[in-house]
Amino acid sequence: MQLQFFSAAFLAVTSFYISTPAAAQDQPCVGETIITTAEVTTSYGAAYRVETYYRSPSEIAARFITETPALMVTEGPFVWTQTNDGAALGGEDERRFILGHQFHALAFDFDTIMTDVTERDDIPFQGELHAGRKGVYPQGGAAAVILGDDDKPVGLILSLPEETPIKVAYSDWRETASGRAAPYAATITHKGNTYSYRYDEISFSSGGREAFQNRYPAPPLEQVAEFRAGADKCPAANNE
């Protein structure tokens, strides 16, 4: 997983394959959604925009808006991507990548996303030991959420397979339109590079499968279309 923004050329040379059905997780008809948009600037001079959507570990998306835009979606047992070059299926590297950009979901929904979560009081972060929780990251690796004195998440550490640790520092806490406070800034460090996220949208709301599918229409991929057609139908009252 490369945190640095990739180009359409990266997607073109990636070996795509279908994730096994065992990788799918139950998708409730309705549940909390976290939607964010951010302007990103980097220490190496790049700037772009990122939109994210999270409802469950098996229903997430990340859209990168730049000169080579890319949409990456995890949907049940599948990962699919869409760029100017077309649509393609992805695999576990892309699945980890998409989830790894859900910085608010990873902070607020840590115990649901991770397994084997344990309380710790000795997590090193920014030169000090902090209290927090550690867990096993989906598809391999580990993660830790760092908690401040008021139990608000102040940081996140992702230790993923074959990667140097990715560290996230949260700041600029404000109340969202839903009345829930959230950090409107995040600074990510990885491999000597810094990524500064400034959020202009953070929403916590109730969303359903139909809302997700309307937001991200099915790509021209037969497997995804068949998956959607065969999925259990939700009661109309639970769809948005």
Protein backbone atom coordinates (compact mmCIF):
# COMPACT_ATOMS: atom_id res chain seq x y z
CA MET A 1 0.00 0.00 0.00
CA GLN A 2 1.45 3.30 -1.10
CA LEU A 3 0.00 6.27 0.72
CA GLN A 4 1.48 8.61 -1.87
CA PHE A 5 -1.06 9.41 -4.55
CA PHE A 6 -0.74 7.08 -7.49
CA SER A 7 -1.47 7.69 -11.15
CA ALA A 8 -3.72 5.85 -13.56
CA ALA A 9 -0.58 4.17 -14.84
CA PHE A 10 -0.16 2.47 -11.46
CA LEU A 11 -3.62 1.01 -11.75
CA ALA A 12 -2.93 -0.14 -15.29
CA VAL A 13 0.03 -2.32 -14.29
CA THR A 14 -1.42 -3.69 -11.03
CA SER A 15 -2.34 -7.37 -11.16
CA PHE A 16 -6.09 -7.39 -10.61
CA TYR A 17 -8.04 -10.33 -9.28
CA ILE A 18 -11.29 -11.12 -7.52
CA SER A 19 -11.26 -11.35 -3.74
CA THR A 20 -12.77 -14.56 -2.43
CA PRO A 21 -16.34 -14.47 -1.08
CA ALA A 22 -14.92 -15.31 2.35
CA ALA A 23 -13.48 -11.80 2.42
CA ALA A 24 -16.97 -10.29 2.31
CA GLN A 25 -18.61 -9.02 5.45
CA ASP A 26 -22.30 -8.66 6.15
CA GLN A 27 -23.63 -5.33 4.97
CA PRO A 28 -26.55 -4.10 7.09
CA CYS A 29 -29.48 -2.55 5.27
CA VAL A 30 -28.89 0.68 7.14
CA GLY A 31 -26.11 1.97 9.35
CA GLU A 32 -23.98 4.97 10.22
CA THR A 33 -22.10 6.49 7.32
CA ILE A 34 -19.08 8.75 7.55
CA ILE A 35 -18.49 10.96 4.50
CA THR A 36 -15.54 13.34 4.20
CA THR A 37 -13.91 15.62 1.67
CA ALA A 38 -10.49 17.17 2.09
CA GLU A 39 -7.91 19.28 0.34
CA VAL A 40 -4.50 17.63 0.57
CA THR A 41 -1.09 19.24 0.27
CA THR A 42 2.16 17.33 0.47
CA SER A 43 5.72 18.00 1.50
CA TYR A 44 6.86 17.21 -2.05
CA GLY A 45 4.68 19.88 -3.63
CA ALA A 46 1.63 17.96 -4.81
CA ALA A 47 -1.95 19.01 -4.13
CA TYR A 48 -5.18 17.13 -4.72
CA ARG A 49 -8.61 16.45 -3.28
CA VAL A 50 -9.87 13.29 -1.57
CA GLU A 51 -13.44 12.17 -0.93
CA THR A 52 -14.17 9.17 1.29
CA TYR A 53 -17.26 7.14 2.17
CA TYR A 54 -17.53 4.54 4.93
CA ARG A 55 -20.49 2.46 6.10
CA SER A 56 -18.84 -0.85 6.97
CA PRO A 57 -15.48 -2.49 6.17
CA SER A 58 -17.16 -4.07 3.15
CA GLU A 59 -18.77 -0.89 1.82
CA ILE A 60 -16.25 1.93 1.48
CA ALA A 61 -14.90 4.23 -1.21
CA ALA A 62 -12.12 6.71 -1.81
CA ARG A 63 -12.09 9.15 -4.73
CA PHE A 64 -8.89 10.99 -5.64
CA ILE A 65 -9.46 14.16 -7.66
CA THR A 66 -6.37 15.25 -9.53
CA GLU A 67 -5.06 15.34 -13.10
CA THR A 68 -5.44 11.55 -13.12
CA PRO A 69 -8.65 11.02 -11.11
CA ALA A 70 -9.37 7.62 -9.61
CA LEU A 71 -12.29 6.07 -7.75
CA MET A 72 -11.58 3.00 -5.63
CA VAL A 73 -14.46 1.03 -4.07
CA THR A 74 -14.74 -1.95 -1.75
CA GLU A 75 -18.14 -3.60 -2.21
CA GLY A 76 -18.75 -6.93 -0.50
CA PRO A 77 -16.22 -9.48 -1.78
CA PHE A 78 -15.08 -7.20 -4.60
CA VAL A 79 -12.74 -4.27 -5.00
CA TRP A 80 -13.17 -2.21 -8.14
CA THR A 81 -11.51 0.88 -9.51
CA GLN A 82 -12.49 3.41 -12.13
CA THR A 83 -10.10 5.80 -13.89
CA ASN A 84 -9.95 7.60 -17.21
CA ASP A 85 -8.68 4.29 -18.62
CA GLY A 86 -11.82 2.43 -17.57
CA ALA A 87 -12.90 0.06 -14.81
CA ALA A 88 -11.07 -2.94 -13.39
CA LEU A 89 -11.21 -5.35 -10.49
CA GLY A 90 -8.71 -4.98 -7.67
CA GLY A 91 -7.35 -7.17 -4.91
CA GLU A 92 -6.18 -7.13 -1.32
CA ASP A 93 -3.58 -4.37 -1.79
CA GLU A 94 -6.30 -2.05 -3.07
CA ARG A 95 -8.66 -3.17 -0.30
CA ARG A 96 -6.08 -2.20 2.35
CA PHE A 97 -5.40 1.07 0.51
CA ILE A 98 -9.06 2.15 0.48
CA LEU A 99 -9.61 1.34 4.14
CA GLY A 100 -6.30 3.01 5.02
CA HIS A 101 -7.66 6.36 3.79
CA GLN A 102 -10.75 6.26 6.04
CA PHE A 103 -9.03 8.28 8.75
CA HIS A 104 -12.21 9.23 10.61
CA ALA A 105 -13.73 5.76 10.43
CA LEU A 106 -10.47 4.24 11.67
CA ALA A 107 -10.54 6.60 14.64
CA PHE A 108 -14.23 6.43 15.55
CA ASP A 109 -15.02 2.85 14.49
CA PHE A 110 -11.69 1.30 15.49
CA ASP A 111 -13.15 -1.53 17.59
CA THR A 112 -15.47 -2.62 14.77
CA ILE A 113 -12.86 -2.54 12.02
CA MET A 114 -10.07 -4.25 13.97
CA THR A 115 -9.99 -7.65 15.62
CA ASP A 116 -8.25 -8.71 18.85
CA VAL A 117 -8.47 -5.18 20.24
CA THR A 118 -6.64 -4.61 23.52
CA GLU A 119 -6.33 -1.61 25.84
CA ARG A 120 -2.78 -0.26 26.15
CA ASP A 121 -1.08 2.50 28.11
CA ASP A 122 2.36 2.31 26.48
CA ILE A 123 1.88 3.26 22.83
CA PRO A 124 4.74 5.50 21.62
CA PHE A 125 3.51 8.53 19.67
CA GLN A 126 5.21 11.86 19.05
CA GLY A 127 7.97 11.14 21.55
CA GLU A 128 5.74 10.10 24.46
CA LEU A 129 3.88 7.03 25.69
CA HIS A 130 0.11 7.25 25.39
CA ALA A 131 -2.97 5.28 26.29
CA GLY A 132 -4.99 3.79 23.47
CA ARG A 133 -6.03 0.57 21.82
CA LYS A 134 -4.25 -1.83 19.50
CA GLY A 135 -5.79 -4.31 17.10
CA VAL A 136 -5.25 -6.51 14.07
CA TYR A 137 -5.85 -4.71 10.75
CA PRO A 138 -8.08 -6.44 8.16
CA GLN A 139 -6.14 -8.37 5.50
CA GLY A 140 -3.02 -8.30 7.67
CA GLY A 141 -1.03 -5.90 9.77
CA ALA A 142 -1.78 -4.01 12.95
CA ALA A 143 -3.12 -0.63 14.03
CA ALA A 144 -3.21 1.53 17.13
CA VAL A 145 -5.46 4.45 18.00
CA ILE A 146 -3.96 7.00 20.39
CA LEU A 147 -6.30 8.62 22.92
CA GLY A 148 -5.93 11.99 24.63
CA ASP A 149 -6.84 12.87 28.20
CA ASP A 150 -10.46 13.37 27.16
CA ASP A 151 -10.51 10.02 25.29
CA LYS A 152 -10.64 11.78 21.94
CA PRO A 153 -8.49 10.12 19.26
CA VAL A 154 -5.34 12.21 18.82
CA GLY A 155 -3.44 9.84 16.57
CA LEU A 156 -3.38 6.63 14.59
CA ILE A 157 -0.59 4.25 13.63
CA LEU A 158 -1.00 1.77 10.78
CA SER A 159 1.58 -1.01 10.50
CA LEU A 160 0.73 -2.79 7.29
CA PRO A 161 2.45 -5.68 5.49
CA GLU A 162 5.67 -4.68 3.72
CA GLU A 163 5.21 -1.01 4.67
CA THR A 164 6.91 1.40 7.02
CA PRO A 165 4.48 2.65 9.72
CA ILE A 166 1.94 5.27 8.67
CA LYS A 167 1.27 7.83 11.38
CA VAL A 168 -1.75 10.13 11.57
CA ALA A 169 -2.05 13.11 13.94
CA TYR A 170 -5.56 14.61 14.37
CA SER A 171 -6.22 18.27 15.16
CA ASP A 172 -8.67 21.17 14.75
CA TRP A 173 -11.60 19.51 16.50
CA ARG A 174 -14.95 21.12 15.70
CA GLU A 175 -18.61 20.24 15.86
CA THR A 176 -20.06 18.80 12.65
CA ALA A 177 -23.57 19.47 11.33
CA SER A 178 -24.72 16.29 13.08
CA GLY A 179 -23.63 17.73 16.41
CA ARG A 180 -20.76 15.30 16.76
CA ALA A 181 -17.26 16.69 17.18
CA ALA A 182 -14.56 15.58 14.75
CA PRO A 183 -11.03 16.59 13.72
CA TYR A 184 -11.02 18.85 10.67
CA ALA A 185 -7.28 18.42 10.12
CA ALA A 186 -5.01 15.41 9.92
CA THR A 187 -1.28 15.23 9.29
CA ILE A 188 -0.03 11.96 7.86
CA THR A 189 3.65 11.00 7.79
CA HIS A 190 4.94 8.11 5.72
CA LYS A 191 8.38 7.33 4.33
CA GLY A 192 9.65 10.82 5.11
CA ASN A 193 6.73 12.54 3.36
CA THR A 194 4.02 14.63 5.00
CA TYR A 195 0.39 14.82 3.84
CA SER A 196 -1.72 17.64 5.28
CA TYR A 197 -5.47 17.04 5.12
CA ARG A 198 -7.83 20.00 5.64
CA TYR A 199 -11.44 18.84 5.70
CA ASP A 200 -14.30 20.95 4.40
CA GLU A 201 -16.93 18.22 4.85
CA ILE A 202 -17.35 15.65 7.60
CA SER A 203 -20.79 14.11 8.00
CA PHE A 204 -22.13 11.39 10.27
CA SER A 205 -25.51 10.16 9.14
CA SER A 206 -27.65 7.09 8.56
CA GLY A 207 -27.25 5.48 5.16
CA GLY A 208 -28.36 2.37 3.34
CA ARG A 209 -27.23 0.09 0.56
CA GLU A 210 -29.36 1.87 -2.04
CA ALA A 211 -27.80 5.22 -1.13
CA PHE A 212 -24.33 3.70 -1.55
CA GLN A 213 -25.21 2.25 -4.96
CA ASN A 214 -26.74 5.53 -6.11
CA ARG A 215 -23.64 7.40 -5.03
CA TYR A 216 -21.35 4.90 -6.78
CA PRO A 217 -23.12 3.46 -9.84
CA ALA A 218 -21.98 0.00 -10.82
CA PRO A 219 -18.98 0.03 -13.18
CA PRO A 220 -19.15 -1.90 -16.46
CA LEU A 221 -17.93 -5.07 -14.75
CA GLU A 222 -20.12 -8.17 -14.99
CA GLN A 223 -19.05 -9.53 -11.60
CA VAL A 224 -20.07 -6.37 -9.73
CA ALA A 225 -23.38 -6.13 -11.59
CA GLU A 226 -24.18 -9.77 -10.73
CA PHE A 227 -23.24 -9.19 -7.09
CA ARG A 228 -25.62 -6.24 -6.84
CA ALA A 229 -28.42 -8.09 -8.60
CA GLY A 230 -28.04 -11.10 -6.29
CA ALA A 231 -27.73 -9.19 -3.02
CA ASP A 232 -30.53 -9.52 -0.50
CA LYS A 233 -33.03 -6.75 -0.97
CA CYS A 234 -33.54 -4.33 1.88
CA PRO A 235 -36.99 -3.12 2.92
CA ALA A 236 -37.87 0.09 1.11
CA ALA A 237 -38.18 1.93 4.41
CA ASN A 238 -34.50 1.30 5.13
CA ASN A 239 -33.22 2.65 1.84
CA GLU A 240 -32.26 6.27 1.29
